[in-house]
Amino acid sequence: DNAKNTVYLQMNSLKPEDTAIYYCAAQ
């Protein structure tokens, strides 16, 4: 949402192998 300066990551059907530290980054 560029008006809110925010990026989202909706994560469904999560698995144990999704366990991690999640980082966002800008390019």
mmCIF file of all heavy atoms, coordinates in Angstrom:
data_MODEL
# 
_entry.id   MODEL 
# 
loop_
_atom_site.group_PDB 
_atom_site.id 
_atom_site.type_symbol 
_atom_site.label_atom_id 
_atom_site.label_alt_id 
_atom_site.label_comp_id 
_atom_site.label_asym_id 
_atom_site.label_entity_id 
_atom_site.label_seq_id 
_atom_site.pdbx_PDB_ins_code 
_atom_site.Cartn_x 
_atom_site.Cartn_y 
_atom_site.Cartn_z 
_atom_site.occupancy 
_atom_site.B_iso_or_equiv 
_atom_site.pdbx_formal_charge 
_atom_site.auth_seq_id 
_atom_site.auth_comp_id 
_atom_site.auth_asym_id 
_atom_site.auth_atom_id 
_atom_site.pdbx_PDB_model_num 
ATOM 1   N N   . ASP A 1 1  ? 0.873  -1.166  0.000  1.00 0.00 ? 1  ASP A N   1 
ATOM 2   C CA  . ASP A 1 1  ? 0.000  0.000   0.000  1.00 0.00 ? 1  ASP A CA  1 
ATOM 3   C C   . ASP A 1 1  ? 0.912  1.217   0.000  1.00 0.00 ? 1  ASP A C   1 
ATOM 4   O O   . ASP A 1 1  ? 1.456  1.592   1.043  1.00 0.00 ? 1  ASP A O   1 
ATOM 5   C CB  . ASP A 1 1  ? -0.905 -0.024  1.233  1.00 0.00 ? 1  ASP A CB  1 
ATOM 6   C CG  . ASP A 1 1  ? -1.942 1.094   1.233  1.00 0.00 ? 1  ASP A CG  1 
ATOM 7   O OD1 . ASP A 1 1  ? -1.710 2.118   0.538  1.00 0.00 ? 1  ASP A OD1 1 
ATOM 8   O OD2 . ASP A 1 1  ? -2.954 0.957   1.926  1.00 0.00 ? 1  ASP A OD2 1 
ATOM 9   N N   . ASN A 1 2  ? 1.096  1.813   -1.153 1.00 0.00 ? 2  ASN A N   1 
ATOM 10  C CA  . ASN A 1 2  ? 2.024  2.940   -1.261 1.00 0.00 ? 2  ASN A CA  1 
ATOM 11  C C   . ASN A 1 2  ? 1.546  4.165   -0.482 1.00 0.00 ? 2  ASN A C   1 
ATOM 12  O O   . ASN A 1 2  ? 2.345  4.987   -0.055 1.00 0.00 ? 2  ASN A O   1 
ATOM 13  C CB  . ASN A 1 2  ? 2.266  3.293   -2.725 1.00 0.00 ? 2  ASN A CB  1 
ATOM 14  C CG  . ASN A 1 2  ? 3.159  2.279   -3.417 1.00 0.00 ? 2  ASN A CG  1 
ATOM 15  O OD1 . ASN A 1 2  ? 3.799  1.455   -2.765 1.00 0.00 ? 2  ASN A OD1 1 
ATOM 16  N ND2 . ASN A 1 2  ? 3.198  2.312   -4.742 1.00 0.00 ? 2  ASN A ND2 1 
ATOM 17  N N   . ALA A 1 3  ? 0.247  4.288   -0.299 1.00 0.00 ? 3  ALA A N   1 
ATOM 18  C CA  . ALA A 1 3  ? -0.277 5.414   0.478  1.00 0.00 ? 3  ALA A CA  1 
ATOM 19  C C   . ALA A 1 3  ? 0.095  5.283   1.952  1.00 0.00 ? 3  ALA A C   1 
ATOM 20  O O   . ALA A 1 3  ? 0.191  6.278   2.665  1.00 0.00 ? 3  ALA A O   1 
ATOM 21  C CB  . ALA A 1 3  ? -1.788 5.495   0.333  1.00 0.00 ? 3  ALA A CB  1 
ATOM 22  N N   . LYS A 1 4  ? 0.304  4.047   2.404  1.00 0.00 ? 4  LYS A N   1 
ATOM 23  C CA  . LYS A 1 4  ? 0.653  3.800   3.802  1.00 0.00 ? 4  LYS A CA  1 
ATOM 24  C C   . LYS A 1 4  ? 2.128  3.438   3.974  1.00 0.00 ? 4  LYS A C   1 
ATOM 25  O O   . LYS A 1 4  ? 2.569  3.110   5.080  1.00 0.00 ? 4  LYS A O   1 
ATOM 26  C CB  . LYS A 1 4  ? -0.203 2.666   4.367  1.00 0.00 ? 4  LYS A CB  1 
ATOM 27  C CG  . LYS A 1 4  ? -1.683 3.003   4.445  1.00 0.00 ? 4  LYS A CG  1 
ATOM 28  C CD  . LYS A 1 4  ? -2.469 1.860   5.069  1.00 0.00 ? 4  LYS A CD  1 
ATOM 29  C CE  . LYS A 1 4  ? -3.944 2.219   5.184  1.00 0.00 ? 4  LYS A CE  1 
ATOM 30  N NZ  . LYS A 1 4  ? -4.742 1.115   5.793  1.00 0.00 ? 4  LYS A NZ  1 
ATOM 31  N N   . ASN A 1 5  ? 2.888  3.476   2.877  1.00 0.00 ? 5  ASN A N   1 
ATOM 32  C CA  . ASN A 1 5  ? 4.322  3.124   2.940  1.00 0.00 ? 5  ASN A CA  1 
ATOM 33  C C   . ASN A 1 5  ? 4.535  1.759   3.596  1.00 0.00 ? 5  ASN A C   1 
ATOM 34  O O   . ASN A 1 5  ? 5.441  1.583   4.424  1.00 0.00 ? 5  ASN A O   1 
ATOM 35  C CB  . ASN A 1 5  ? 5.109  4.176   3.714  1.00 0.00 ? 5  ASN A CB  1 
ATOM 36  C CG  . ASN A 1 5  ? 5.393  5.421   2.883  1.00 0.00 ? 5  ASN A CG  1 
ATOM 37  O OD1 . ASN A 1 5  ? 4.817  5.605   1.814  1.00 0.00 ? 5  ASN A OD1 1 
ATOM 38  N ND2 . ASN A 1 5  ? 6.263  6.285   3.375  1.00 0.00 ? 5  ASN A ND2 1 
ATOM 39  N N   . THR A 1 6  ? 3.723  0.801   3.226  1.00 0.00 ? 6  THR A N   1 
ATOM 40  C CA  . THR A 1 6  ? 3.764  -0.502  3.885  1.00 0.00 ? 6  THR A CA  1 
ATOM 41  C C   . THR A 1 6  ? 3.685  -1.636  2.866  1.00 0.00 ? 6  THR A C   1 
ATOM 42  O O   . THR A 1 6  ? 2.936  -1.543  1.887  1.00 0.00 ? 6  THR A O   1 
ATOM 43  C CB  . THR A 1 6  ? 2.614  -0.634  4.899  1.00 0.00 ? 6  THR A CB  1 
ATOM 44  O OG1 . THR A 1 6  ? 2.706  0.420   5.854  1.00 0.00 ? 6  THR A OG1 1 
ATOM 45  C CG2 . THR A 1 6  ? 2.682  -1.961  5.643  1.00 0.00 ? 6  THR A CG2 1 
ATOM 46  N N   . VAL A 1 7  ? 4.460  -2.659  3.130  1.00 0.00 ? 7  VAL A N   1 
ATOM 47  C CA  . VAL A 1 7  ? 4.397  -3.890  2.349  1.00 0.00 ? 7  VAL A CA  1 
ATOM 48  C C   . VAL A 1 7  ? 3.992  -5.009  3.288  1.00 0.00 ? 7  VAL A C   1 
ATOM 49  O O   . VAL A 1 7  ? 4.356  -5.010  4.465  1.00 0.00 ? 7  VAL A O   1 
ATOM 50  C CB  . VAL A 1 7  ? 5.732  -4.183  1.640  1.00 0.00 ? 7  VAL A CB  1 
ATOM 51  C CG1 . VAL A 1 7  ? 6.863  -4.395  2.630  1.00 0.00 ? 7  VAL A CG1 1 
ATOM 52  C CG2 . VAL A 1 7  ? 5.600  -5.379  0.698  1.00 0.00 ? 7  VAL A CG2 1 
ATOM 53  N N   . TYR A 1 8  ? 3.219  -5.955  2.764  1.00 0.00 ? 8  TYR A N   1 
ATOM 54  C CA  . TYR A 1 8  ? 2.677  -7.032  3.571  1.00 0.00 ? 8  TYR A CA  1 
ATOM 55  C C   . TYR A 1 8  ? 3.101  -8.395  3.018  1.00 0.00 ? 8  TYR A C   1 
ATOM 56  O O   . TYR A 1 8  ? 3.362  -8.546  1.821  1.00 0.00 ? 8  TYR A O   1 
ATOM 57  C CB  . TYR A 1 8  ? 1.146  -6.972  3.592  1.00 0.00 ? 8  TYR A CB  1 
ATOM 58  C CG  . TYR A 1 8  ? 0.589  -5.650  4.031  1.00 0.00 ? 8  TYR A CG  1 
ATOM 59  C CD1 . TYR A 1 8  ? 0.196  -4.691  3.093  1.00 0.00 ? 8  TYR A CD1 1 
ATOM 60  C CD2 . TYR A 1 8  ? 0.446  -5.346  5.380  1.00 0.00 ? 8  TYR A CD2 1 
ATOM 61  C CE1 . TYR A 1 8  ? -0.324 -3.473  3.488  1.00 0.00 ? 8  TYR A CE1 1 
ATOM 62  C CE2 . TYR A 1 8  ? -0.074 -4.120  5.786  1.00 0.00 ? 8  TYR A CE2 1 
ATOM 63  C CZ  . TYR A 1 8  ? -0.456 -3.190  4.837  1.00 0.00 ? 8  TYR A CZ  1 
ATOM 64  O OH  . TYR A 1 8  ? -0.957 -1.979  5.247  1.00 0.00 ? 8  TYR A OH  1 
ATOM 65  N N   . LEU A 1 9  ? 3.097  -9.370  3.900  1.00 0.00 ? 9  LEU A N   1 
ATOM 66  C CA  . LEU A 1 9  ? 3.285  -10.751 3.476  1.00 0.00 ? 9  LEU A CA  1 
ATOM 67  C C   . LEU A 1 9  ? 2.237  -11.590 4.206  1.00 0.00 ? 9  LEU A C   1 
ATOM 68  O O   . LEU A 1 9  ? 2.346  -11.800 5.420  1.00 0.00 ? 9  LEU A O   1 
ATOM 69  C CB  . LEU A 1 9  ? 4.688  -11.262 3.794  1.00 0.00 ? 9  LEU A CB  1 
ATOM 70  C CG  . LEU A 1 9  ? 4.998  -12.663 3.259  1.00 0.00 ? 9  LEU A CG  1 
ATOM 71  C CD1 . LEU A 1 9  ? 5.041  -12.650 1.724  1.00 0.00 ? 9  LEU A CD1 1 
ATOM 72  C CD2 . LEU A 1 9  ? 6.320  -13.190 3.823  1.00 0.00 ? 9  LEU A CD2 1 
ATOM 73  N N   . GLN A 1 10 ? 1.220  -12.005 3.472  1.00 0.00 ? 10 GLN A N   1 
ATOM 74  C CA  . GLN A 1 10 ? 0.198  -12.878 4.033  1.00 0.00 ? 10 GLN A CA  1 
ATOM 75  C C   . GLN A 1 10 ? 0.685  -14.313 3.884  1.00 0.00 ? 10 GLN A C   1 
ATOM 76  O O   . GLN A 1 10 ? 0.949  -14.763 2.765  1.00 0.00 ? 10 GLN A O   1 
ATOM 77  C CB  . GLN A 1 10 ? -1.129 -12.688 3.307  1.00 0.00 ? 10 GLN A CB  1 
ATOM 78  C CG  . GLN A 1 10 ? -2.232 -13.602 3.776  1.00 0.00 ? 10 GLN A CG  1 
ATOM 79  C CD  . GLN A 1 10 ? -2.669 -13.310 5.202  1.00 0.00 ? 10 GLN A CD  1 
ATOM 80  O OE1 . GLN A 1 10 ? -2.835 -12.157 5.581  1.00 0.00 ? 10 GLN A OE1 1 
ATOM 81  N NE2 . GLN A 1 10 ? -2.840 -14.372 5.997  1.00 0.00 ? 10 GLN A NE2 1 
ATOM 82  N N   . MET A 1 11 ? 0.775  -15.012 5.006  1.00 0.00 ? 11 MET A N   1 
ATOM 83  C CA  . MET A 1 11 ? 1.305  -16.371 5.006  1.00 0.00 ? 11 MET A CA  1 
ATOM 84  C C   . MET A 1 11 ? 0.222  -17.327 5.489  1.00 0.00 ? 11 MET A C   1 
ATOM 85  O O   . MET A 1 11 ? -0.228 -17.232 6.632  1.00 0.00 ? 11 MET A O   1 
ATOM 86  C CB  . MET A 1 11 ? 2.539  -16.463 5.905  1.00 0.00 ? 11 MET A CB  1 
ATOM 87  C CG  . MET A 1 11 ? 3.620  -15.457 5.558  1.00 0.00 ? 11 MET A CG  1 
ATOM 88  S SD  . MET A 1 11 ? 5.132  -15.674 6.522  1.00 0.00 ? 11 MET A SD  1 
ATOM 89  C CE  . MET A 1 11 ? 4.527  -15.299 8.161  1.00 0.00 ? 11 MET A CE  1 
ATOM 90  N N   . ASN A 1 12 ? -0.192 -18.212 4.602  1.00 0.00 ? 12 ASN A N   1 
ATOM 91  C CA  . ASN A 1 12 ? -1.221 -19.200 4.920  1.00 0.00 ? 12 ASN A CA  1 
ATOM 92  C C   . ASN A 1 12 ? -0.639 -20.598 4.858  1.00 0.00 ? 12 ASN A C   1 
ATOM 93  O O   . ASN A 1 12 ? 0.427  -20.813 4.293  1.00 0.00 ? 12 ASN A O   1 
ATOM 94  C CB  . ASN A 1 12 ? -2.386 -19.076 3.939  1.00 0.00 ? 12 ASN A CB  1 
ATOM 95  C CG  . ASN A 1 12 ? -3.069 -17.725 3.992  1.00 0.00 ? 12 ASN A CG  1 
ATOM 96  O OD1 . ASN A 1 12 ? -3.138 -17.079 5.041  1.00 0.00 ? 12 ASN A OD1 1 
ATOM 97  N ND2 . ASN A 1 12 ? -3.594 -17.289 2.854  1.00 0.00 ? 12 ASN A ND2 1 
ATOM 98  N N   . SER A 1 13 ? -1.351 -21.542 5.430  1.00 0.00 ? 13 SER A N   1 
ATOM 99  C CA  . SER A 1 13 ? -0.921 -22.951 5.411  1.00 0.00 ? 13 SER A CA  1 
ATOM 100 C C   . SER A 1 13 ? 0.532  -23.092 5.843  1.00 0.00 ? 13 SER A C   1 
ATOM 101 O O   . SER A 1 13 ? 1.329  -23.768 5.194  1.00 0.00 ? 13 SER A O   1 
ATOM 102 C CB  . SER A 1 13 ? -1.121 -23.541 4.005  1.00 0.00 ? 13 SER A CB  1 
ATOM 103 O OG  . SER A 1 13 ? -2.466 -23.443 3.600  1.00 0.00 ? 13 SER A OG  1 
ATOM 104 N N   . LEU A 1 14 ? 0.847  -22.460 6.940  1.00 0.00 ? 14 LEU A N   1 
ATOM 105 C CA  . LEU A 1 14 ? 2.233  -22.443 7.400  1.00 0.00 ? 14 LEU A CA  1 
ATOM 106 C C   . LEU A 1 14 ? 2.715  -23.831 7.798  1.00 0.00 ? 14 LEU A C   1 
ATOM 107 O O   . LEU A 1 14 ? 1.948  -24.661 8.308  1.00 0.00 ? 14 LEU A O   1 
ATOM 108 C CB  . LEU A 1 14 ? 2.382  -21.474 8.572  1.00 0.00 ? 14 LEU A CB  1 
ATOM 109 C CG  . LEU A 1 14 ? 2.425  -20.002 8.149  1.00 0.00 ? 14 LEU A CG  1 
ATOM 110 C CD1 . LEU A 1 14 ? 2.110  -19.093 9.320  1.00 0.00 ? 14 LEU A CD1 1 
ATOM 111 C CD2 . LEU A 1 14 ? 3.776  -19.659 7.554  1.00 0.00 ? 14 LEU A CD2 1 
ATOM 112 N N   . LYS A 1 15 ? 3.989  -24.046 7.545  1.00 0.00 ? 15 LYS A N   1 
ATOM 113 C CA  . LYS A 1 15 ? 4.636  -25.325 7.837  1.00 0.00 ? 15 LYS A CA  1 
ATOM 114 C C   . LYS A 1 15 ? 5.793  -25.096 8.802  1.00 0.00 ? 15 LYS A C   1 
ATOM 115 O O   . LYS A 1 15 ? 6.356  -23.988 8.839  1.00 0.00 ? 15 LYS A O   1 
ATOM 116 C CB  . LYS A 1 15 ? 5.176  -25.940 6.546  1.00 0.00 ? 15 LYS A CB  1 
ATOM 117 C CG  . LYS A 1 15 ? 4.153  -26.109 5.442  1.00 0.00 ? 15 LYS A CG  1 
ATOM 118 C CD  . LYS A 1 15 ? 4.830  -26.603 4.167  1.00 0.00 ? 15 LYS A CD  1 
ATOM 119 C CE  . LYS A 1 15 ? 3.827  -26.764 3.038  1.00 0.00 ? 15 LYS A CE  1 
ATOM 120 N NZ  . LYS A 1 15 ? 4.479  -27.239 1.785  1.00 0.00 ? 15 LYS A NZ  1 
ATOM 121 N N   . PRO A 1 16 ? 6.199  -26.106 9.540  1.00 0.00 ? 16 PRO A N   1 
ATOM 122 C CA  . PRO A 1 16 ? 7.348  -25.933 10.445 1.00 0.00 ? 16 PRO A CA  1 
ATOM 123 C C   . PRO A 1 16 ? 8.592  -25.445 9.713  1.00 0.00 ? 16 PRO A C   1 
ATOM 124 O O   . PRO A 1 16 ? 9.386  -24.684 10.296 1.00 0.00 ? 16 PRO A O   1 
ATOM 125 C CB  . PRO A 1 16 ? 7.548  -27.341 11.020 1.00 0.00 ? 16 PRO A CB  1 
ATOM 126 C CG  . PRO A 1 16 ? 6.182  -27.937 11.000 1.00 0.00 ? 16 PRO A CG  1 
ATOM 127 C CD  . PRO A 1 16 ? 5.543  -27.414 9.743  1.00 0.00 ? 16 PRO A CD  1 
ATOM 128 N N   . GLU A 1 17 ? 8.769  -25.830 8.469  1.00 0.00 ? 17 GLU A N   1 
ATOM 129 C CA  . GLU A 1 17 ? 9.942  -25.384 7.715  1.00 0.00 ? 17 GLU A CA  1 
ATOM 130 C C   . GLU A 1 17 ? 9.883  -23.912 7.321  1.00 0.00 ? 17 GLU A C   1 
ATOM 131 O O   . GLU A 1 17 ? 10.851 -23.383 6.772  1.00 0.00 ? 17 GLU A O   1 
ATOM 132 C CB  . GLU A 1 17 ? 10.151 -26.254 6.465  1.00 0.00 ? 17 GLU A CB  1 
ATOM 133 C CG  . GLU A 1 17 ? 8.935  -26.414 5.597  1.00 0.00 ? 17 GLU A CG  1 
ATOM 134 C CD  . GLU A 1 17 ? 8.178  -27.705 5.883  1.00 0.00 ? 17 GLU A CD  1 
ATOM 135 O OE1 . GLU A 1 17 ? 8.014  -28.051 7.079  1.00 0.00 ? 17 GLU A OE1 1 
ATOM 136 O OE2 . GLU A 1 17 ? 7.744  -28.357 4.909  1.00 0.00 ? 17 GLU A OE2 1 
ATOM 137 N N   . ASP A 1 18 ? 8.770  -23.243 7.594  1.00 0.00 ? 18 ASP A N   1 
ATOM 138 C CA  . ASP A 1 18 ? 8.694  -21.795 7.384  1.00 0.00 ? 18 ASP A CA  1 
ATOM 139 C C   . ASP A 1 18 ? 9.268  -21.017 8.568  1.00 0.00 ? 18 ASP A C   1 
ATOM 140 O O   . ASP A 1 18 ? 9.372  -19.789 8.515  1.00 0.00 ? 18 ASP A O   1 
ATOM 141 C CB  . ASP A 1 18 ? 7.244  -21.353 7.171  1.00 0.00 ? 18 ASP A CB  1 
ATOM 142 C CG  . ASP A 1 18 ? 6.644  -21.907 5.888  1.00 0.00 ? 18 ASP A CG  1 
ATOM 143 O OD1 . ASP A 1 18 ? 7.347  -21.912 4.858  1.00 0.00 ? 18 ASP A OD1 1 
ATOM 144 O OD2 . ASP A 1 18 ? 5.475  -22.333 5.918  1.00 0.00 ? 18 ASP A OD2 1 
ATOM 145 N N   . THR A 1 19 ? 9.626  -21.730 9.624  1.00 0.00 ? 19 THR A N   1 
ATOM 146 C CA  . THR A 1 19 ? 10.213 -21.076 10.795 1.00 0.00 ? 19 THR A CA  1 
ATOM 147 C C   . THR A 1 19 ? 11.516 -20.387 10.421 1.00 0.00 ? 19 THR A C   1 
ATOM 148 O O   . THR A 1 19 ? 12.423 -20.995 9.856  1.00 0.00 ? 19 THR A O   1 
ATOM 149 C CB  . THR A 1 19 ? 10.465 -22.113 11.901 1.00 0.00 ? 19 THR A CB  1 
ATOM 150 O OG1 . THR A 1 19 ? 9.218  -22.640 12.348 1.00 0.00 ? 19 THR A OG1 1 
ATOM 151 C CG2 . THR A 1 19 ? 11.209 -21.481 13.075 1.00 0.00 ? 19 THR A CG2 1 
ATOM 152 N N   . ALA A 1 20 ? 11.579 -19.091 10.721 1.00 0.00 ? 20 ALA A N   1 
ATOM 153 C CA  . ALA A 1 20 ? 12.750 -18.288 10.352 1.00 0.00 ? 20 ALA A CA  1 
ATOM 154 C C   . ALA A 1 20 ? 12.561 -16.864 10.850 1.00 0.00 ? 20 ALA A C   1 
ATOM 155 O O   . ALA A 1 20 ? 11.475 -16.488 11.303 1.00 0.00 ? 20 ALA A O   1 
ATOM 156 C CB  . ALA A 1 20 ? 12.940 -18.280 8.833  1.00 0.00 ? 20 ALA A CB  1 
ATOM 157 N N   . ILE A 1 21 ? 13.619 -16.097 10.737 1.00 0.00 ? 21 ILE A N   1 
ATOM 158 C CA  . ILE A 1 21 ? 13.507 -14.643 10.878 1.00 0.00 ? 21 ILE A CA  1 
ATOM 159 C C   . ILE A 1 21 ? 13.205 -14.094 9.492  1.00 0.00 ? 21 ILE A C   1 
ATOM 160 O O   . ILE A 1 21 ? 13.913 -14.406 8.531  1.00 0.00 ? 21 ILE A O   1 
ATOM 161 C CB  . ILE A 1 21 ? 14.796 -14.025 11.440 1.00 0.00 ? 21 ILE A CB  1 
ATOM 162 C CG1 . ILE A 1 21 ? 15.100 -14.604 12.821 1.00 0.00 ? 21 ILE A CG1 1 
ATOM 163 C CG2 . ILE A 1 21 ? 14.656 -12.504 11.518 1.00 0.00 ? 21 ILE A CG2 1 
ATOM 164 C CD1 . ILE A 1 21 ? 16.426 -14.140 13.388 1.00 0.00 ? 21 ILE A CD1 1 
ATOM 165 N N   . TYR A 1 22 ? 12.168 -13.288 9.412  1.00 0.00 ? 22 TYR A N   1 
ATOM 166 C CA  . TYR A 1 22 ? 11.738 -12.723 8.140  1.00 0.00 ? 22 TYR A CA  1 
ATOM 167 C C   . TYR A 1 22 ? 12.159 -11.258 8.064  1.00 0.00 ? 22 TYR A C   1 
ATOM 168 O O   . TYR A 1 22 ? 11.901 -10.480 8.989  1.00 0.00 ? 22 TYR A O   1 
ATOM 169 C CB  . TYR A 1 22 ? 10.226 -12.846 7.982  1.00 0.00 ? 22 TYR A CB  1 
ATOM 170 C CG  . TYR A 1 22 ? 9.802  -14.249 7.608  1.00 0.00 ? 22 TYR A CG  1 
ATOM 171 C CD1 . TYR A 1 22 ? 9.874  -15.286 8.536  1.00 0.00 ? 22 TYR A CD1 1 
ATOM 172 C CD2 . TYR A 1 22 ? 9.350  -14.549 6.324  1.00 0.00 ? 22 TYR A CD2 1 
ATOM 173 C CE1 . TYR A 1 22 ? 9.504  -16.581 8.192  1.00 0.00 ? 22 TYR A CE1 1 
ATOM 174 C CE2 . TYR A 1 22 ? 8.976  -15.842 5.974  1.00 0.00 ? 22 TYR A CE2 1 
ATOM 175 C CZ  . TYR A 1 22 ? 9.058  -16.845 6.916  1.00 0.00 ? 22 TYR A CZ  1 
ATOM 176 O OH  . TYR A 1 22 ? 8.694  -18.125 6.577  1.00 0.00 ? 22 TYR A OH  1 
ATOM 177 N N   . TYR A 1 23 ? 12.792 -10.914 6.952  1.00 0.00 ? 23 TYR A N   1 
ATOM 178 C CA  . TYR A 1 23 ? 13.289 -9.562  6.724  1.00 0.00 ? 23 TYR A CA  1 
ATOM 179 C C   . TYR A 1 23 ? 12.611 -8.953  5.501  1.00 0.00 ? 23 TYR A C   1 
ATOM 180 O O   . TYR A 1 23 ? 12.438 -9.629  4.489  1.00 0.00 ? 23 TYR A O   1 
ATOM 181 C CB  . TYR A 1 23 ? 14.788 -9.586  6.453  1.00 0.00 ? 23 TYR A CB  1 
ATOM 182 C CG  . TYR A 1 23 ? 15.636 -10.162 7.553  1.00 0.00 ? 23 TYR A CG  1 
ATOM 183 C CD1 . TYR A 1 23 ? 15.947 -11.515 7.594  1.00 0.00 ? 23 TYR A CD1 1 
ATOM 184 C CD2 . TYR A 1 23 ? 16.153 -9.336  8.555  1.00 0.00 ? 23 TYR A CD2 1 
ATOM 185 C CE1 . TYR A 1 23 ? 16.735 -12.047 8.600  1.00 0.00 ? 23 TYR A CE1 1 
ATOM 186 C CE2 . TYR A 1 23 ? 16.948 -9.861  9.570  1.00 0.00 ? 23 TYR A CE2 1 
ATOM 187 C CZ  . TYR A 1 23 ? 17.227 -11.209 9.588  1.00 0.00 ? 23 TYR A CZ  1 
ATOM 188 O OH  . TYR A 1 23 ? 18.007 -11.727 10.585 1.00 0.00 ? 23 TYR A OH  1 
ATOM 189 N N   . CYS A 1 24 ? 12.272 -7.685  5.607  1.00 0.00 ? 24 CYS A N   1 
ATOM 190 C CA  . CYS A 1 24 ? 11.865 -6.984  4.394  1.00 0.00 ? 24 CYS A CA  1 
ATOM 191 C C   . CYS A 1 24 ? 13.038 -6.134  3.913  1.00 0.00 ? 24 CYS A C   1 
ATOM 192 O O   . CYS A 1 24 ? 13.928 -5.768  4.703  1.00 0.00 ? 24 CYS A O   1 
ATOM 193 C CB  . CYS A 1 24 ? 10.613 -6.141  4.606  1.00 0.00 ? 24 CYS A CB  1 
ATOM 194 S SG  . CYS A 1 24 ? 10.825 -4.665  5.605  1.00 0.00 ? 24 CYS A SG  1 
ATOM 195 N N   . ALA A 1 25 ? 13.026 -5.840  2.636  1.00 0.00 ? 25 ALA A N   1 
ATOM 196 C CA  . ALA A 1 25 ? 14.126 -5.114  2.020  1.00 0.00 ? 25 ALA A CA  1 
ATOM 197 C C   . ALA A 1 25 ? 13.609 -4.246  0.885  1.00 0.00 ? 25 ALA A C   1 
ATOM 198 O O   . ALA A 1 25 ? 12.572 -4.558  0.274  1.00 0.00 ? 25 ALA A O   1 
ATOM 199 C CB  . ALA A 1 25 ? 15.172 -6.095  1.498  1.00 0.00 ? 25 ALA A CB  1 
ATOM 200 N N   . ALA A 1 26 ? 14.328 -3.166  0.605  1.00 0.00 ? 26 ALA A N   1 
ATOM 201 C CA  . ALA A 1 26 ? 13.927 -2.211  -0.420 1.00 0.00 ? 26 ALA A CA  1 
ATOM 202 C C   . ALA A 1 26 ? 14.991 -2.114  -1.508 1.00 0.00 ? 26 ALA A C   1 
ATOM 203 O O   . ALA A 1 26 ? 16.189 -2.019  -1.213 1.00 0.00 ? 26 ALA A O   1 
ATOM 204 C CB  . ALA A 1 26 ? 13.701 -0.836  0.208  1.00 0.00 ? 26 ALA A CB  1 
ATOM 205 N N   . GLN A 1 27 ? 14.545 -2.124  -2.742 1.00 0.00 ? 27 GLN A N   1 
ATOM 206 C CA  . GLN A 1 27 ? 15.414 -2.061  -3.920 1.00 0.00 ? 27 GLN A CA  1 
ATOM 207 C C   . GLN A 1 27 ? 14.972 -0.874  -4.777 1.00 0.00 ? 27 GLN A C   1 
ATOM 208 O O   . GLN A 1 27 ? 13.875 -0.886  -5.330 1.00 0.00 ? 27 GLN A O   1 
ATOM 209 C CB  . GLN A 1 27 ? 15.323 -3.359  -4.725 1.00 0.00 ? 27 GLN A CB  1 
ATOM 210 C CG  . GLN A 1 27 ? 16.122 -3.379  -5.992 1.00 0.00 ? 27 GLN A CG  1 
ATOM 211 C CD  . GLN A 1 27 ? 15.980 -4.685  -6.769 1.00 0.00 ? 27 GLN A CD  1 
ATOM 212 O OE1 . GLN A 1 27 ? 16.032 -4.721  -7.979 1.00 0.00 ? 27 GLN A OE1 1 
ATOM 213 N NE2 . GLN A 1 27 ? 15.763 -5.800  -6.074 1.00 0.00 ? 27 GLN A NE2 1 
# 
